[in-house]
Amino acid sequence: MLWLHMGMPKTGTTALQGFLRRKHSVMNEIGLHYMETGRRRLDGGTRLAISHNIVAFHINQSADPLDPFRSAMTTEYDAHADQTCVVSSEMFYSCNLNRLTEVFADIPSRALTITYYCRRYSDFFEADYKQRAKAGRLSNGGTEYIRQQLDLIRNQPERLSFSAKLAEIRTAFPGVTVAPLLYDRSGMVRGNVVDDFLSRIGTPLAEEVSVGALSNPSQSRAASEAFGVISRALGRKKSRQLRRISVDDPVMVRRNDVLEPDERAWLDEFVAKQDTAFQQEFFPDRPELFTPTKLSDEDKMFRRDTPEEYEALRKASEIVFRLALDV
């Protein structure tokens, strides 16, 4: 069996890939093979990357045929057909699936399962905003950008709809089993994405195996936007380096500080209506795809364009700029 793991973005994909790459002995014990094709350049001249982004980059940046990847993927799969094989890249979630299917064209449909984690719409929106902010990729950040994105979703709900993604996958991969998962730590095996994923695909880890720390505290919107300034001024590599430094200040760590409470409630309710059939097909025992978000009293009072938020941005910027001067 070959499991094609497509992300989605911001669902612990990198943590999972890092574990699969590091734990060769553990993977052998549970009968899992982390496919090398697409992690190693076709010339074989570089060490293995953490994910299969090389395939996605090829699809996104070149019109050249995918024959070399298809041939290598088929040969490698045939050599490990007695194991559970995994291909993983969060970039697959948004790439051209009609081209991606070419890579697996010679692998029987019955041997291929496509899976991906579904994250609460508002949580994904917030995580995506912060990632873009940290990378300096928000041309007009803040309220203007957020309202523009919400308007786009209002007019094109398929941008976040899991039903729309499912239809796209089934069109590109007819006959292939699709097995979506929920990114909800409270319902995950041992509360983490590594144990959960490996259990769902039938290769659970032994209880004594520790997956270690998998996630960092969520950086605040103010911190993310301050790091974005560094990314634009000094480059993304420098910004990533600084973000690895632990800073003991509450202004740098916060959740639920991108969408205001009414925006969050609207977004989750609006897109969930588009995904009723998806929920009924894959998660019929759940009354709703995601349980309602429990906001703290502070979160319920959150508003973006306030003196408190401007002060948070000023303070976070000062901390980040001092880091840049010291490192």
C-alpha atoms as a PDB file:
ATOM      1  CA  MET A   1       0.000   0.000   0.000  1.00  0.00           C
ATOM      2  CA  LEU A   2       1.197   3.493  -0.877  1.00  0.00           C
ATOM      3  CA  TRP A   3      -0.163   6.399   1.154  1.00  0.00           C
ATOM      4  CA  LEU A   4      -0.047   9.772  -0.572  1.00  0.00           C
ATOM      5  CA  HIS A   5      -0.107  12.352   2.241  1.00  0.00           C
ATOM      6  CA  MET A   6      -1.071  15.786   0.886  1.00  0.00           C
ATOM      7  CA  GLY A   7      -0.939  17.973   3.984  1.00  0.00           C
ATOM      8  CA  MET A   8      -3.039  20.170   4.208  1.00  0.00           C
ATOM      9  CA  PRO A   9      -0.702  23.068   5.117  1.00  0.00           C
ATOM     10  CA  LYS A  10      -0.396  23.974   8.802  1.00  0.00           C
ATOM     11  CA  THR A  11      -1.367  20.515  10.080  1.00  0.00           C
ATOM     12  CA  GLY A  12       1.914  19.257  11.501  1.00  0.00           C
ATOM     13  CA  THR A  13       3.161  17.959   8.145  1.00  0.00           C
ATOM     14  CA  THR A  14       6.754  19.081   8.692  1.00  0.00           C
ATOM     15  CA  ALA A  15       6.864  17.473  12.144  1.00  0.00           C
ATOM     16  CA  LEU A  16       5.631  14.202  10.682  1.00  0.00           C
ATOM     17  CA  GLN A  17       8.136  14.302   7.827  1.00  0.00           C
ATOM     18  CA  GLY A  18      10.984  15.092  10.202  1.00  0.00           C
ATOM     19  CA  PHE A  19      10.139  12.050  12.326  1.00  0.00           C
ATOM     20  CA  LEU A  20       9.903   9.764   9.284  1.00  0.00           C
ATOM     21  CA  ARG A  21      13.254  10.988   8.022  1.00  0.00           C
ATOM     22  CA  ARG A  22      15.100  10.589  11.340  1.00  0.00           C
ATOM     23  CA  LYS A  23      13.745   7.293  12.668  1.00  0.00           C
ATOM     24  CA  HIS A  24      14.979   4.725  10.157  1.00  0.00           C
ATOM     25  CA  SER A  25      15.212   1.892  12.687  1.00  0.00           C
ATOM     26  CA  VAL A  26      11.720   2.604  14.035  1.00  0.00           C
ATOM     27  CA  MET A  27      10.298   2.691  10.506  1.00  0.00           C
ATOM     28  CA  ASN A  28      11.861  -0.688   9.747  1.00  0.00           C
ATOM     29  CA  GLU A  29      10.362  -2.172  12.911  1.00  0.00           C
ATOM     30  CA  ILE A  30       6.816  -1.105  12.049  1.00  0.00           C
ATOM     31  CA  GLY A  31       7.133  -2.008   8.367  1.00  0.00           C
ATOM     32  CA  LEU A  32       7.002   1.505   6.938  1.00  0.00           C
ATOM     33  CA  HIS A  33       9.072   2.838   4.039  1.00  0.00           C
ATOM     34  CA  TYR A  34       9.389   6.614   3.550  1.00  0.00           C
ATOM     35  CA  MET A  35       9.768   6.867  -0.214  1.00  0.00           C
ATOM     36  CA  GLU A  36      12.982   8.479  -1.484  1.00  0.00           C
ATOM     37  CA  THR A  37      11.725   9.308  -4.978  1.00  0.00           C
ATOM     38  CA  GLY A  38      10.830  12.974  -4.979  1.00  0.00           C
ATOM     39  CA  ARG A  39      12.927  13.650  -1.904  1.00  0.00           C
ATOM     40  CA  ARG A  40      16.148  13.040  -3.769  1.00  0.00           C
ATOM     41  CA  ARG A  41      16.934  15.009  -6.914  1.00  0.00           C
ATOM     42  CA  LEU A  42      16.764  12.937 -10.054  1.00  0.00           C
ATOM     43  CA  ASP A  43      20.553  13.034 -10.445  1.00  0.00           C
ATOM     44  CA  GLY A  44      20.835  11.482  -6.968  1.00  0.00           C
ATOM     45  CA  GLY A  45      23.519  13.982  -6.032  1.00  0.00           C
ATOM     46  CA  THR A  46      22.089  15.485  -2.846  1.00  0.00           C
ATOM     47  CA  ARG A  47      21.114  14.117   0.533  1.00  0.00           C
ATOM     48  CA  LEU A  48      17.455  13.360   1.096  1.00  0.00           C
ATOM     49  CA  ALA A  49      15.184  16.310   1.744  1.00  0.00           C
ATOM     50  CA  ILE A  50      12.614  16.189   4.518  1.00  0.00           C
ATOM     51  CA  SER A  51       9.598  16.142   2.165  1.00  0.00           C
ATOM     52  CA  HIS A  52       8.600  15.401  -1.422  1.00  0.00           C
ATOM     53  CA  ASN A  53       8.539  19.068  -2.393  1.00  0.00           C
ATOM     54  CA  ILE A  54      10.892  18.416  -5.312  1.00  0.00           C
ATOM     55  CA  VAL A  55       7.959  16.850  -7.185  1.00  0.00           C
ATOM     56  CA  ALA A  56       5.705  19.786  -6.337  1.00  0.00           C
ATOM     57  CA  PHE A  57       8.346  22.305  -7.403  1.00  0.00           C
ATOM     58  CA  HIS A  58       8.697  20.488 -10.717  1.00  0.00           C
ATOM     59  CA  ILE A  59       4.929  20.609 -11.265  1.00  0.00           C
ATOM     60  CA  ASN A  60       4.656  24.281 -10.322  1.00  0.00           C
ATOM     61  CA  GLN A  61       7.732  25.573 -12.112  1.00  0.00           C
ATOM     62  CA  SER A  62       8.133  23.423 -15.214  1.00  0.00           C
ATOM     63  CA  ALA A  63       6.054  22.020 -18.055  1.00  0.00           C
ATOM     64  CA  ASP A  64       8.545  19.204 -18.541  1.00  0.00           C
ATOM     65  CA  PRO A  65       7.144  15.661 -18.408  1.00  0.00           C
ATOM     66  CA  LEU A  66       7.023  13.814 -15.109  1.00  0.00           C
ATOM     67  CA  ASP A  67       8.205  10.550 -16.686  1.00  0.00           C
ATOM     68  CA  PRO A  68      11.451  10.352 -14.656  1.00  0.00           C
ATOM     69  CA  PHE A  69       9.543  10.696 -11.371  1.00  0.00           C
ATOM     70  CA  ARG A  70       6.930   8.165 -12.489  1.00  0.00           C
ATOM     71  CA  SER A  71       9.562   5.611 -13.461  1.00  0.00           C
ATOM     72  CA  ALA A  72      11.537   6.054 -10.238  1.00  0.00           C
ATOM     73  CA  MET A  73       8.388   6.020  -8.070  1.00  0.00           C
ATOM     74  CA  THR A  74       7.140   2.801  -9.668  1.00  0.00           C
ATOM     75  CA  THR A  75      10.506   1.057  -9.380  1.00  0.00           C
ATOM     76  CA  GLU A  76      10.900   2.019  -5.736  1.00  0.00           C
ATOM     77  CA  TYR A  77       7.335   1.046  -4.866  1.00  0.00           C
ATOM     78  CA  ASP A  78       7.721  -2.354  -6.532  1.00  0.00           C
ATOM     79  CA  ALA A  79      10.845  -2.934  -4.435  1.00  0.00           C
ATOM     80  CA  HIS A  80       8.940  -2.171  -1.204  1.00  0.00           C
ATOM     81  CA  ALA A  81       5.435  -3.388  -2.078  1.00  0.00           C
ATOM     82  CA  ASP A  82       5.452  -5.651   0.990  1.00  0.00           C
ATOM     83  CA  GLN A  83       5.716  -2.581   3.247  1.00  0.00           C
ATOM     84  CA  THR A  84       3.506   0.414   3.912  1.00  0.00           C
ATOM     85  CA  CYS A  85       4.953   3.222   1.799  1.00  0.00           C
ATOM     86  CA  VAL A  86       4.490   6.962   2.360  1.00  0.00           C
ATOM     87  CA  VAL A  87       4.887   9.999   0.100  1.00  0.00           C
ATOM     88  CA  SER A  88       4.341  13.342   1.857  1.00  0.00           C
ATOM     89  CA  SER A  89       4.275  17.012   0.883  1.00  0.00           C
ATOM     90  CA  GLU A  90       1.927  19.753   2.018  1.00  0.00           C
ATOM     91  CA  MET A  91       2.536  21.405  -1.355  1.00  0.00           C
ATOM     92  CA  PHE A  92       0.534  18.614  -3.020  1.00  0.00           C
ATOM     93  CA  TYR A  93      -2.649  20.035  -1.466  1.00  0.00           C
ATOM     94  CA  SER A  94      -2.621  23.058  -3.757  1.00  0.00           C
ATOM     95  CA  CYS A  95      -0.596  21.878  -6.750  1.00  0.00           C
ATOM     96  CA  ASN A  96      -1.995  20.748 -10.121  1.00  0.00           C
ATOM     97  CA  LEU A  97      -3.442  17.353  -9.230  1.00  0.00           C
ATOM     98  CA  ASN A  98      -3.866  16.340 -12.857  1.00  0.00           C
ATOM     99  CA  ARG A  99      -0.095  16.545 -13.217  1.00  0.00           C
ATOM    100  CA  LEU A 100       0.551  14.932  -9.835  1.00  0.00           C
ATOM    101  CA  THR A 101      -1.429  11.881 -10.885  1.00  0.00           C
ATOM    102  CA  GLU A 102       1.128  11.282 -13.658  1.00  0.00           C
ATOM    103  CA  VAL A 103       3.740  10.438 -11.008  1.00  0.00           C
ATOM    104  CA  PHE A 104       1.605   7.528  -9.745  1.00  0.00           C
ATOM    105  CA  ALA A 105       0.117   6.441 -13.083  1.00  0.00           C
ATOM    106  CA  ASP A 106       1.836   3.028 -13.056  1.00  0.00           C
ATOM    107  CA  ILE A 107       0.822   2.156  -9.501  1.00  0.00           C
ATOM    108  CA  PRO A 108      -2.558   0.346  -9.361  1.00  0.00           C
ATOM    109  CA  SER A 109      -5.403   2.448  -7.958  1.00  0.00           C
ATOM    110  CA  ARG A 110      -6.210  -0.269  -5.424  1.00  0.00           C
ATOM    111  CA  ALA A 111      -2.704   0.090  -3.977  1.00  0.00           C
ATOM    112  CA  LEU A 112      -2.932   3.875  -3.488  1.00  0.00           C
ATOM    113  CA  THR A 113      -4.690   5.793  -0.707  1.00  0.00           C
ATOM    114  CA  ILE A 114      -4.764   9.586  -0.514  1.00  0.00           C
ATOM    115  CA  THR A 115      -4.956  11.209   2.894  1.00  0.00           C
ATOM    116  CA  TYR A 116      -4.742  14.704   4.338  1.00  0.00           C
ATOM    117  CA  TYR A 117      -5.558  16.429   7.612  1.00  0.00           C
ATOM    118  CA  CYS A 118      -8.488  18.849   7.722  1.00  0.00           C
ATOM    119  CA  ARG A 119      -7.985  21.810  10.030  1.00  0.00           C
ATOM    120  CA  ARG A 120     -10.703  24.089  11.395  1.00  0.00           C
ATOM    121  CA  TYR A 121     -11.226  26.850   8.842  1.00  0.00           C
ATOM    122  CA  SER A 122     -10.610  29.766  11.200  1.00  0.00           C
ATOM    123  CA  ASP A 123      -7.518  28.141  12.719  1.00  0.00           C
ATOM    124  CA  PHE A 124      -6.073  27.524   9.264  1.00  0.00           C
ATOM    125  CA  PHE A 125      -6.865  31.116   8.255  1.00  0.00           C
ATOM    126  CA  GLU A 126      -4.974  32.400  11.305  1.00  0.00           C
ATOM    127  CA  ALA A 127      -1.994  30.074  10.827  1.00  0.00           C
ATOM    128  CA  ASP A 128      -1.782  30.928   7.126  1.00  0.00           C
ATOM    129  CA  TYR A 129      -1.909  34.659   7.879  1.00  0.00           C
ATOM    130  CA  LYS A 130       0.907  34.406  10.412  1.00  0.00           C
ATOM    131  CA  GLN A 131       3.049  32.292   8.106  1.00  0.00           C
ATOM    132  CA  ARG A 132       2.655  34.818   5.310  1.00  0.00           C
ATOM    133  CA  ALA A 133       3.314  37.682   7.724  1.00  0.00           C
ATOM    134  CA  LYS A 134       6.535  36.107   9.057  1.00  0.00           C
ATOM    135  CA  ALA A 135       7.776  35.559   5.524  1.00  0.00           C
ATOM    136  CA  GLY A 136       7.093  39.198   4.634  1.00  0.00           C
ATOM    137  CA  ARG A 137       4.538  38.155   2.003  1.00  0.00           C
ATOM    138  CA  LEU A 138       1.659  40.400   3.000  1.00  0.00           C
ATOM    139  CA  SER A 139       1.632  43.368   0.658  1.00  0.00           C
ATOM    140  CA  ASN A 140      -1.180  44.983   2.634  1.00  0.00           C
ATOM    141  CA  GLY A 141      -1.311  43.331   6.036  1.00  0.00           C
ATOM    142  CA  GLY A 142      -3.742  43.830   8.857  1.00  0.00           C
ATOM    143  CA  THR A 143      -7.445  44.495   8.599  1.00  0.00           C
ATOM    144  CA  GLU A 144      -7.463  45.356   4.895  1.00  0.00           C
ATOM    145  CA  TYR A 145      -5.865  42.049   3.912  1.00  0.00           C
ATOM    146  CA  ILE A 146      -8.044  40.018   6.285  1.00  0.00           C
ATOM    147  CA  ARG A 147     -11.266  41.557   5.006  1.00  0.00           C
ATOM    148  CA  GLN A 148     -10.186  41.026   1.405  1.00  0.00           C
ATOM    149  CA  GLN A 149      -9.537  37.351   2.111  1.00  0.00           C
ATOM    150  CA  LEU A 150     -12.868  36.903   3.871  1.00  0.00           C
ATOM    151  CA  ASP A 151     -14.621  38.514   0.908  1.00  0.00           C
ATOM    152  CA  LEU A 152     -12.845  36.106  -1.440  1.00  0.00           C
ATOM    153  CA  ILE A 153     -14.009  33.154   0.658  1.00  0.00           C
ATOM    154  CA  ARG A 154     -17.553  34.535   0.715  1.00  0.00           C
ATOM    155  CA  ASN A 155     -17.571  34.611  -3.075  1.00  0.00           C
ATOM    156  CA  GLN A 156     -15.460  31.466  -3.552  1.00  0.00           C
ATOM    157  CA  PRO A 157     -16.046  29.119  -0.582  1.00  0.00           C
ATOM    158  CA  GLU A 158     -14.244  26.342  -2.452  1.00  0.00           C
ATOM    159  CA  ARG A 159     -11.012  28.078  -1.420  1.00  0.00           C
ATOM    160  CA  LEU A 160     -11.411  26.441   2.016  1.00  0.00           C
ATOM    161  CA  SER A 161     -14.035  23.777   1.379  1.00  0.00           C
ATOM    162  CA  PHE A 162     -13.028  20.161   1.948  1.00  0.00           C
ATOM    163  CA  SER A 163     -15.886  19.023  -0.288  1.00  0.00           C
ATOM    164  CA  ALA A 164     -14.388  20.992  -3.166  1.00  0.00           C
ATOM    165  CA  LYS A 165     -10.944  19.507  -2.540  1.00  0.00           C
ATOM    166  CA  LEU A 166     -12.411  16.008  -2.365  1.00  0.00           C
ATOM    167  CA  ALA A 167     -14.121  16.462  -5.735  1.00  0.00           C
ATOM    168  CA  GLU A 168     -10.852  17.721  -7.229  1.00  0.00           C
ATOM    169  CA  ILE A 169      -8.947  14.694  -5.902  1.00  0.00           C
ATOM    170  CA  ARG A 170     -11.510  12.195  -7.137  1.00  0.00           C
ATOM    171  CA  THR A 171     -11.518  13.752 -10.601  1.00  0.00           C
ATOM    172  CA  ALA A 172      -7.730  13.533 -10.846  1.00  0.00           C
ATOM    173  CA  PHE A 173      -7.415  10.095  -9.181  1.00  0.00           C
ATOM    174  CA  PRO A 174     -10.485   8.061 -10.220  1.00  0.00           C
ATOM    175  CA  GLY A 175     -10.849   4.823  -8.286  1.00  0.00           C
ATOM    176  CA  VAL A 176      -8.332   5.772  -5.603  1.00  0.00           C
ATOM    177  CA  THR A 177      -9.376   5.541  -1.939  1.00  0.00           C
ATOM    178  CA  VAL A 178      -9.506   8.914  -0.182  1.00  0.00           C
ATOM    179  CA  ALA A 179      -9.217   8.894   3.623  1.00  0.00           C
ATOM    180  CA  PRO A 180      -9.229  12.403   5.154  1.00  0.00           C
ATOM    181  CA  LEU A 181      -8.311  12.923   8.808  1.00  0.00           C
ATOM    182  CA  LEU A 182      -9.207  15.627  11.325  1.00  0.00           C
ATOM    183  CA  TYR A 183      -6.516  17.886  12.757  1.00  0.00           C
ATOM    184  CA  ASP A 184      -7.904  17.960  16.282  1.00  0.00           C
ATOM    185  CA  ARG A 185      -5.353  17.176  18.978  1.00  0.00           C
ATOM    186  CA  SER A 186      -8.036  16.212  21.491  1.00  0.00           C
ATOM    187  CA  GLY A 187      -9.040  13.327  19.232  1.00  0.00           C
ATOM    188  CA  MET A 188      -5.589  12.296  18.008  1.00  0.00           C
ATOM    189  CA  VAL A 189      -3.842   9.131  19.086  1.00  0.00           C
ATOM    190  CA  ARG A 190      -1.621  10.146  22.024  1.00  0.00           C
ATOM    191  CA  GLY A 191      -2.498  13.754  21.186  1.00  0.00           C
ATOM    192  CA  ASN A 192       0.042  14.268  18.400  1.00  0.00           C
ATOM    193  CA  VAL A 193       0.118  14.097  14.622  1.00  0.00           C
ATOM    194  CA  VAL A 194       2.921  11.515  14.338  1.00  0.00           C
ATOM    195  CA  ASP A 195       1.261   8.853  16.501  1.00  0.00           C
ATOM    196  CA  ASP A 196      -2.098   9.654  14.978  1.00  0.00           C
ATOM    197  CA  PHE A 197      -0.966   9.429  11.354  1.00  0.00           C
ATOM    198  CA  LEU A 198       1.012   6.221  11.809  1.00  0.00           C
ATOM    199  CA  SER A 199      -1.885   4.607  13.668  1.00  0.00           C
ATOM    200  CA  ARG A 200      -4.393   5.636  10.975  1.00  0.00           C
ATOM    201  CA  ILE A 201      -2.310   4.062   8.201  1.00  0.00           C
ATOM    202  CA  GLY A 202      -1.912   0.815  10.133  1.00  0.00           C
ATOM    203  CA  THR A 203       1.676   1.126  11.402  1.00  0.00           C
ATOM    204  CA  PRO A 204       1.298   2.362  15.007  1.00  0.00           C
ATOM    205  CA  LEU A 205       4.319   3.162  17.127  1.00  0.00           C
ATOM    206  CA  ALA A 206       5.063   1.120  20.217  1.00  0.00           C
ATOM    207  CA  GLU A 207       4.027   2.876  23.424  1.00  0.00           C
ATOM    208  CA  GLU A 208       7.630   3.230  24.569  1.00  0.00           C
ATOM    209  CA  VAL A 209       8.598   5.183  21.442  1.00  0.00           C
ATOM    210  CA  SER A 210       8.595   8.917  22.093  1.00  0.00           C
ATOM    211  CA  VAL A 211       8.026  11.325  19.225  1.00  0.00           C
ATOM    212  CA  GLY A 212       9.490  14.223  21.214  1.00  0.00           C
ATOM    213  CA  ALA A 213       8.427  17.857  21.046  1.00  0.00           C
ATOM    214  CA  LEU A 214       6.486  18.500  17.848  1.00  0.00           C
ATOM    215  CA  SER A 215       5.252  22.055  17.940  1.00  0.00           C
ATOM    216  CA  ASN A 216       6.277  25.470  19.140  1.00  0.00           C
ATOM    217  CA  PRO A 217       3.977  27.955  20.860  1.00  0.00           C
ATOM    218  CA  SER A 218       1.935  29.968  18.393  1.00  0.00           C
ATOM    219  CA  GLN A 219       3.636  33.278  17.715  1.00  0.00           C
ATOM    220  CA  SER A 220       1.399  36.284  18.028  1.00  0.00           C
ATOM    221  CA  ARG A 221       0.184  38.316  15.086  1.00  0.00           C
ATOM    222  CA  ALA A 222       2.279  41.244  16.339  1.00  0.00           C
ATOM    223  CA  ALA A 223       5.417  39.081  16.461  1.00  0.00           C
ATOM    224  CA  SER A 224       4.675  37.583  13.043  1.00  0.00           C
ATOM    225  CA  GLU A 225       4.329  41.005  11.451  1.00  0.00           C
ATOM    226  CA  ALA A 226       7.523  42.217  13.138  1.00  0.00           C
ATOM    227  CA  PHE A 227       9.447  39.209  11.805  1.00  0.00           C
ATOM    228  CA  GLY A 228       7.989  40.051   8.405  1.00  0.00           C
ATOM    229  CA  VAL A 229       9.806  43.374   8.459  1.00  0.00           C
ATOM    230  CA  ILE A 230      13.065  41.503   9.097  1.00  0.00           C
ATOM    231  CA  SER A 231      12.271  39.110   6.243  1.00  0.00           C
ATOM    232  CA  ARG A 232      11.838  41.994   3.813  1.00  0.00           C
ATOM    233  CA  ALA A 233      14.847  43.935   5.102  1.00  0.00           C
ATOM    234  CA  LEU A 234      17.387  41.195   5.871  1.00  0.00           C
ATOM    235  CA  GLY A 235      15.985  38.140   4.101  1.00  0.00           C
ATOM    236  CA  ARG A 236      13.860  35.162   5.096  1.00  0.00           C
ATOM    237  CA  LYS A 237      16.857  33.094   6.195  1.00  0.00           C
ATOM    238  CA  LYS A 238      17.749  35.696   8.821  1.00  0.00           C
ATOM    239  CA  SER A 239      14.129  35.905   9.935  1.00  0.00           C
ATOM    240  CA  ARG A 240      13.893  32.118  10.363  1.00  0.00           C
ATOM    241  CA  GLN A 241      17.109  32.160  12.373  1.00  0.00           C
ATOM    242  CA  LEU A 242      15.710  34.766  14.752  1.00  0.00           C
ATOM    243  CA  ARG A 243      12.388  32.958  15.126  1.00  0.00           C
ATOM    244  CA  ARG A 244      14.201  29.960  16.596  1.00  0.00           C
ATOM    245  CA  ILE A 245      15.304  32.066  19.573  1.00  0.00           C
ATOM    246  CA  SER A 246      13.026  31.697  22.576  1.00  0.00           C
ATOM    247  CA  VAL A 247      11.787  35.035  23.928  1.00  0.00           C
ATOM    248  CA  ASP A 248      10.132  35.117  27.330  1.00  0.00           C
ATOM    249  CA  ASP A 249       7.588  37.841  26.724  1.00  0.00           C
ATOM    250  CA  PRO A 250       3.797  37.325  26.448  1.00  0.00           C
ATOM    251  CA  VAL A 251       3.538  39.769  23.563  1.00  0.00           C
ATOM    252  CA  MET A 252       5.417  37.277  21.370  1.00  0.00           C
ATOM    253  CA  VAL A 253       3.095  34.304  21.920  1.00  0.00           C
ATOM    254  CA  ARG A 254      -0.651  34.377  21.375  1.00  0.00           C
ATOM    255  CA  ARG A 255      -3.488  32.629  19.577  1.00  0.00           C
ATOM    256  CA  ASN A 256      -6.845  33.902  18.308  1.00  0.00           C
ATOM    257  CA  ASP A 257      -5.458  37.319  17.443  1.00  0.00           C
ATOM    258  CA  VAL A 258      -6.031  37.479  13.686  1.00  0.00           C
ATOM    259  CA  LEU A 259      -9.797  37.124  13.303  1.00  0.00           C
ATOM    260  CA  GLU A 260     -12.201  38.993  15.537  1.00  0.00           C
ATOM    261  CA  PRO A 261     -14.800  36.776  17.277  1.00  0.00           C
ATOM    262  CA  ASP A 262     -17.633  37.587  14.867  1.00  0.00           C
ATOM    263  CA  GLU A 263     -15.383  36.966  11.840  1.00  0.00           C
ATOM    264  CA  ARG A 264     -14.230  33.645  13.272  1.00  0.00           C
ATOM    265  CA  ALA A 265     -17.791  32.504  13.994  1.00  0.00           C
ATOM    266  CA  TRP A 266     -18.988  33.538  10.518  1.00  0.00           C
ATOM    267  CA  LEU A 267     -16.107  31.826   8.726  1.00  0.00           C
ATOM    268  CA  ASP A 268     -16.488  28.509  10.526  1.00  0.00           C
ATOM    269  CA  GLU A 269     -20.260  28.444  10.099  1.00  0.00           C
ATOM    270  CA  PHE A 270     -20.245  29.580   6.463  1.00  0.00           C
ATOM    271  CA  VAL A 271     -17.705  27.063   5.149  1.00  0.00           C
ATOM    272  CA  ALA A 272     -19.074  24.236   7.311  1.00  0.00           C
ATOM    273  CA  LYS A 273     -22.363  24.555   5.407  1.00  0.00           C
ATOM    274  CA  GLN A 274     -20.459  23.843   2.197  1.00  0.00           C
ATOM    275  CA  ASP A 275     -18.995  20.698   3.769  1.00  0.00           C
ATOM    276  CA  THR A 276     -22.125  19.017   5.123  1.00  0.00           C
ATOM    277  CA  ALA A 277     -21.919  16.147   2.617  1.00  0.00           C
ATOM    278  CA  PHE A 278     -18.177  15.734   3.340  1.00  0.00           C
ATOM    279  CA  GLN A 279     -18.830  15.492   7.054  1.00  0.00           C
ATOM    280  CA  GLN A 280     -21.660  13.000   6.585  1.00  0.00           C
ATOM    281  CA  GLU A 281     -19.545  10.771   4.337  1.00  0.00           C
ATOM    282  CA  PHE A 282     -16.359  10.622   6.397  1.00  0.00           C
ATOM    283  CA  PHE A 283     -17.325  11.616   9.937  1.00  0.00           C
ATOM    284  CA  PRO A 284     -21.003  10.626  10.307  1.00  0.00           C
ATOM    285  CA  ASP A 285     -20.710  10.071  14.062  1.00  0.00           C
ATOM    286  CA  ARG A 286     -19.810  13.713  14.651  1.00  0.00           C
ATOM    287  CA  PRO A 287     -22.683  16.202  15.003  1.00  0.00           C
ATOM    288  CA  GLU A 288     -20.459  18.723  13.258  1.00  0.00           C
ATOM    289  CA  LEU A 289     -17.080  18.581  11.587  1.00  0.00           C
ATOM    290  CA  PHE A 290     -15.391  20.746  14.234  1.00  0.00           C
ATOM    291  CA  THR A 291     -16.612  21.424  17.741  1.00  0.00           C
ATOM    292  CA  PRO A 292     -17.194  25.140  18.459  1.00  0.00           C
ATOM    293  CA  THR A 293     -14.117  27.121  19.472  1.00  0.00           C
ATOM    294  CA  LYS A 294     -13.925  27.932  23.173  1.00  0.00           C
ATOM    295  CA  LEU A 295     -12.598  31.462  23.381  1.00  0.00           C
ATOM    296  CA  SER A 296     -11.272  32.972  26.594  1.00  0.00           C
ATOM    297  CA  ASP A 297     -12.755  36.190  27.922  1.00  0.00           C
ATOM    298  CA  GLU A 298      -9.697  38.005  26.543  1.00  0.00           C
ATOM    299  CA  ASP A 299     -10.187  36.439  23.123  1.00  0.00           C
ATOM    300  CA  LYS A 300     -13.860  37.430  23.082  1.00  0.00           C
ATOM    301  CA  MET A 301     -12.834  41.053  23.580  1.00  0.00           C
ATOM    302  CA  PHE A 302     -10.163  41.005  20.854  1.00  0.00           C
ATOM    303  CA  ARG A 303     -10.307  43.768  18.240  1.00  0.00           C
ATOM    304  CA  ARG A 304      -7.482  44.405  15.795  1.00  0.00           C
ATOM    305  CA  ASP A 305      -7.294  48.167  15.348  1.00  0.00           C
ATOM    306  CA  THR A 306      -7.048  49.269  18.957  1.00  0.00           C
ATOM    307  CA  PRO A 307      -4.409  51.107  20.984  1.00  0.00           C
ATOM    308  CA  GLU A 308      -3.611  47.827  22.773  1.00  0.00           C
ATOM    309  CA  GLU A 309      -2.853  46.047  19.506  1.00  0.00           C
ATOM    310  CA  TYR A 310      -0.732  48.910  18.186  1.00  0.00           C
ATOM    311  CA  GLU A 311       1.230  48.834  21.419  1.00  0.00           C
ATOM    312  CA  ALA A 312       1.693  45.073  21.077  1.00  0.00           C
ATOM    313  CA  LEU A 313       3.108  45.553  17.580  1.00  0.00           C
ATOM    314  CA  ARG A 314       5.457  48.290  18.798  1.00  0.00           C
ATOM    315  CA  LYS A 315       6.712  46.119  21.646  1.00  0.00           C
ATOM    316  CA  ALA A 316       7.107  43.006  19.482  1.00  0.00           C
ATOM    317  CA  SER A 317       8.975  45.024  16.842  1.00  0.00           C
ATOM    318  CA  GLU A 318      11.376  46.352  19.440  1.00  0.00           C
ATOM    319  CA  ILE A 319      12.096  42.813  20.687  1.00  0.00           C
ATOM    320  CA  VAL A 320      12.642  41.469  17.167  1.00  0.00           C
ATOM    321  CA  PHE A 321      14.871  44.365  16.108  1.00  0.00           C
ATOM    322  CA  ARG A 322      17.038  43.893  19.209  1.00  0.00           C
ATOM    323  CA  LEU A 323      17.391  40.208  18.332  1.00  0.00           C
ATOM    324  CA  ALA A 324      18.487  41.183  14.838  1.00  0.00           C
ATOM    325  CA  LEU A 325      21.165  43.480  16.242  1.00  0.00           C
ATOM    326  CA  ASP A 326      22.443  40.875  18.700  1.00  0.00           C
ATOM    327  CA  VAL A 327      22.638  37.891  16.361  1.00  0.00           C
END
